[in-house]
Amino acid sequence: MVRKSYKKAIVAIAHKLIRIIYFMLSRHEPYCDPGVDYEAMSAQKNAPRWIKALKKIGKFPVTKPALA
């Protein structure tokens, strides 16, 4: 809005969104924000479930305390 009027800024943002949506739909791919690490988010979200499953089947490594 610094360089354009309010209405022109709204139209510019809408145009940018429409272009993104068009390319996503035409290429059949999900939106992937370059600033977000989706792999880390997935691991953080699912780690407790994975650890619980590993403990249940007895494959979770048990760490021994270090001797001082």
N, C-alpha and C. Protein backbone atom coordinates (compact mmCIF):
# COMPACT_ATOMS: atom_id res chain seq x y z
N MET A 1 0.82 -1.19 0.00
CA MET A 1 0.00 0.00 0.00
C MET A 1 0.86 1.25 0.00
N VAL A 2 2.16 1.10 0.18
CA VAL A 2 3.04 2.26 0.19
C VAL A 2 3.10 2.89 -1.19
N ARG A 3 3.19 2.06 -2.23
CA ARG A 3 3.33 2.60 -3.58
C ARG A 3 2.00 2.74 -4.31
N LYS A 4 0.98 2.05 -3.86
CA LYS A 4 -0.31 2.06 -4.55
C LYS A 4 -1.41 2.47 -3.59
N SER A 5 -2.57 2.72 -4.14
CA SER A 5 -3.71 3.03 -3.29
C SER A 5 -4.20 1.73 -2.64
N TYR A 6 -5.08 1.85 -1.68
CA TYR A 6 -5.60 0.70 -0.93
C TYR A 6 -6.28 -0.30 -1.87
N LYS A 7 -7.13 0.18 -2.76
CA LYS A 7 -7.88 -0.70 -3.66
C LYS A 7 -6.95 -1.41 -4.64
N LYS A 8 -5.94 -0.72 -5.14
CA LYS A 8 -5.00 -1.35 -6.06
C LYS A 8 -4.16 -2.40 -5.34
N ALA A 9 -3.84 -2.17 -4.09
CA ALA A 9 -3.08 -3.14 -3.32
C ALA A 9 -3.90 -4.41 -3.10
N ILE A 10 -5.18 -4.25 -2.80
CA ILE A 10 -6.07 -5.40 -2.61
C ILE A 10 -6.16 -6.22 -3.89
N VAL A 11 -6.32 -5.54 -5.03
CA VAL A 11 -6.42 -6.24 -6.31
C VAL A 11 -5.10 -6.95 -6.63
N ALA A 12 -3.96 -6.35 -6.32
CA ALA A 12 -2.67 -6.96 -6.58
C ALA A 12 -2.48 -8.23 -5.75
N ILE A 13 -2.88 -8.18 -4.49
CA ILE A 13 -2.77 -9.36 -3.63
C ILE A 13 -3.71 -10.46 -4.11
N ALA A 14 -4.92 -10.09 -4.50
CA ALA A 14 -5.88 -11.07 -5.02
C ALA A 14 -5.34 -11.71 -6.30
N HIS A 15 -4.73 -10.93 -7.16
CA HIS A 15 -4.16 -11.45 -8.40
C HIS A 15 -3.03 -12.44 -8.11
N LYS A 16 -2.20 -12.12 -7.15
CA LYS A 16 -1.11 -13.01 -6.78
C LYS A 16 -1.65 -14.33 -6.22
N LEU A 17 -2.68 -14.27 -5.39
CA LEU A 17 -3.29 -15.48 -4.85
C LEU A 17 -3.92 -16.33 -5.95
N ILE A 18 -4.57 -15.68 -6.91
CA ILE A 18 -5.20 -16.41 -8.01
C ILE A 18 -4.15 -17.13 -8.84
N ARG A 19 -3.01 -16.48 -9.08
CA ARG A 19 -1.94 -17.12 -9.85
C ARG A 19 -1.40 -18.35 -9.11
N ILE A 20 -1.19 -18.22 -7.80
CA ILE A 20 -0.69 -19.34 -7.01
C ILE A 20 -1.69 -20.49 -7.04
N ILE A 21 -2.96 -20.19 -6.84
CA ILE A 21 -4.00 -21.23 -6.85
C ILE A 21 -4.08 -21.90 -8.22
N TYR A 22 -4.00 -21.12 -9.30
CA TYR A 22 -4.08 -21.67 -10.64
C TYR A 22 -2.94 -22.67 -10.89
N PHE A 23 -1.71 -22.28 -10.55
CA PHE A 23 -0.58 -23.17 -10.79
C PHE A 23 -0.64 -24.41 -9.91
N MET A 24 -1.11 -24.26 -8.68
CA MET A 24 -1.24 -25.43 -7.80
C MET A 24 -2.24 -26.42 -8.39
N LEU A 25 -3.37 -25.92 -8.86
CA LEU A 25 -4.40 -26.80 -9.40
C LEU A 25 -3.99 -27.40 -10.74
N SER A 26 -3.32 -26.62 -11.59
CA SER A 26 -2.94 -27.12 -12.90
C SER A 26 -1.82 -28.15 -12.80
N ARG A 27 -0.95 -28.04 -11.81
CA ARG A 27 0.16 -28.98 -11.65
C ARG A 27 -0.18 -30.12 -10.68
N HIS A 28 -1.35 -30.09 -10.08
CA HIS A 28 -1.79 -31.12 -9.12
C HIS A 28 -0.78 -31.29 -7.99
N GLU A 29 -0.34 -30.20 -7.41
CA GLU A 29 0.62 -30.29 -6.30
C GLU A 29 0.16 -29.40 -5.15
N PRO A 30 0.47 -29.80 -3.92
CA PRO A 30 0.07 -28.98 -2.77
C PRO A 30 0.96 -27.75 -2.64
N TYR A 31 0.45 -26.75 -1.96
CA TYR A 31 1.22 -25.53 -1.73
C TYR A 31 2.33 -25.84 -0.73
N CYS A 32 3.53 -25.40 -1.02
CA CYS A 32 4.67 -25.62 -0.16
C CYS A 32 5.36 -24.28 0.08
N ASP A 33 5.19 -23.72 1.25
CA ASP A 33 5.79 -22.44 1.59
C ASP A 33 7.29 -22.63 1.76
N PRO A 34 8.12 -21.88 1.03
CA PRO A 34 9.57 -22.08 1.13
C PRO A 34 10.15 -21.71 2.50
N GLY A 35 9.43 -20.94 3.27
CA GLY A 35 9.93 -20.51 4.57
C GLY A 35 9.59 -21.46 5.70
N VAL A 36 8.87 -22.55 5.40
CA VAL A 36 8.43 -23.48 6.44
C VAL A 36 9.09 -24.84 6.21
N ASP A 37 9.61 -25.42 7.27
CA ASP A 37 10.22 -26.75 7.20
C ASP A 37 9.16 -27.77 7.58
N TYR A 38 8.45 -28.27 6.56
CA TYR A 38 7.35 -29.19 6.80
C TYR A 38 7.82 -30.52 7.38
N GLU A 39 9.01 -30.95 7.00
CA GLU A 39 9.54 -32.22 7.52
C GLU A 39 9.77 -32.14 9.03
N ALA A 40 10.32 -31.02 9.51
CA ALA A 40 10.55 -30.85 10.94
C ALA A 40 9.23 -30.74 11.69
N MET A 41 8.26 -30.05 11.09
CA MET A 41 6.95 -29.93 11.73
C MET A 41 6.29 -31.30 11.86
N SER A 42 6.41 -32.11 10.82
CA SER A 42 5.81 -33.44 10.85
C SER A 42 6.48 -34.32 11.90
N ALA A 43 7.81 -34.25 11.97
CA ALA A 43 8.53 -35.05 12.96
C ALA A 43 8.18 -34.61 14.37
N GLN A 44 8.09 -33.32 14.59
CA GLN A 44 7.76 -32.81 15.92
C GLN A 44 6.35 -33.23 16.33
N LYS A 45 5.44 -33.22 15.38
CA LYS A 45 4.06 -33.58 15.67
C LYS A 45 3.91 -35.08 15.93
N ASN A 46 4.64 -35.90 15.17
CA ASN A 46 4.45 -37.35 15.22
C ASN A 46 5.44 -38.07 16.13
N ALA A 47 6.47 -37.40 16.61
CA ALA A 47 7.50 -38.06 17.42
C ALA A 47 6.93 -38.77 18.65
N PRO A 48 6.05 -38.14 19.43
CA PRO A 48 5.53 -38.86 20.60
C PRO A 48 4.81 -40.16 20.23
N ARG A 49 4.09 -40.15 19.12
CA ARG A 49 3.38 -41.35 18.67
C ARG A 49 4.38 -42.42 18.22
N TRP A 50 5.44 -42.00 17.51
CA TRP A 50 6.45 -42.96 17.06
C TRP A 50 7.19 -43.58 18.24
N ILE A 51 7.53 -42.77 19.23
CA ILE A 51 8.24 -43.27 20.40
C ILE A 51 7.37 -44.25 21.17
N LYS A 52 6.09 -43.92 21.31
CA LYS A 52 5.16 -44.80 22.01
C LYS A 52 5.04 -46.15 21.29
N ALA A 53 4.99 -46.11 19.95
CA ALA A 53 4.89 -47.35 19.19
C ALA A 53 6.17 -48.17 19.32
N LEU A 54 7.33 -47.51 19.31
CA LEU A 54 8.59 -48.24 19.47
C LEU A 54 8.71 -48.86 20.85
N LYS A 55 8.28 -48.15 21.88
CA LYS A 55 8.31 -48.70 23.23
C LYS A 55 7.37 -49.90 23.35
N LYS A 56 6.24 -49.82 22.66
CA LYS A 56 5.25 -50.89 22.73
C LYS A 56 5.79 -52.19 22.15
N ILE A 57 6.56 -52.08 21.07
CA ILE A 57 7.10 -53.29 20.45
C ILE A 57 8.49 -53.65 20.99
N GLY A 58 9.01 -52.82 21.90
CA GLY A 58 10.28 -53.12 22.54
C GLY A 58 11.51 -52.76 21.74
N LYS A 59 11.39 -51.87 20.78
CA LYS A 59 12.51 -51.49 19.93
C LYS A 59 13.07 -50.10 20.26
N PHE A 60 12.57 -49.46 21.29
CA PHE A 60 13.06 -48.13 21.64
C PHE A 60 14.36 -48.30 22.41
N PRO A 61 15.45 -47.67 21.95
CA PRO A 61 16.75 -47.85 22.64
C PRO A 61 16.73 -47.20 24.02
N VAL A 62 17.21 -47.95 24.99
CA VAL A 62 17.28 -47.46 26.37
C VAL A 62 18.69 -46.95 26.59
N THR A 63 18.81 -45.70 26.98
CA THR A 63 20.14 -45.13 27.23
C THR A 63 20.50 -45.35 28.68
N LYS A 64 21.75 -45.74 28.89
CA LYS A 64 22.23 -45.95 30.25
C LYS A 64 22.90 -44.68 30.73
N PRO A 65 22.70 -44.33 32.02
CA PRO A 65 23.31 -43.10 32.53
C PRO A 65 24.84 -43.24 32.53
N ALA A 66 25.52 -42.16 32.22
CA ALA A 66 26.98 -42.17 32.18
C ALA A 66 27.53 -42.23 33.60
N LEU A 67 28.58 -42.99 33.76
CA LEU A 67 29.22 -43.09 35.08
C LEU A 67 30.16 -41.91 35.25
N ALA A 68 30.08 -41.26 36.40
CA ALA A 68 30.93 -40.09 36.65
C ALA A 68 32.16 -40.44 37.41
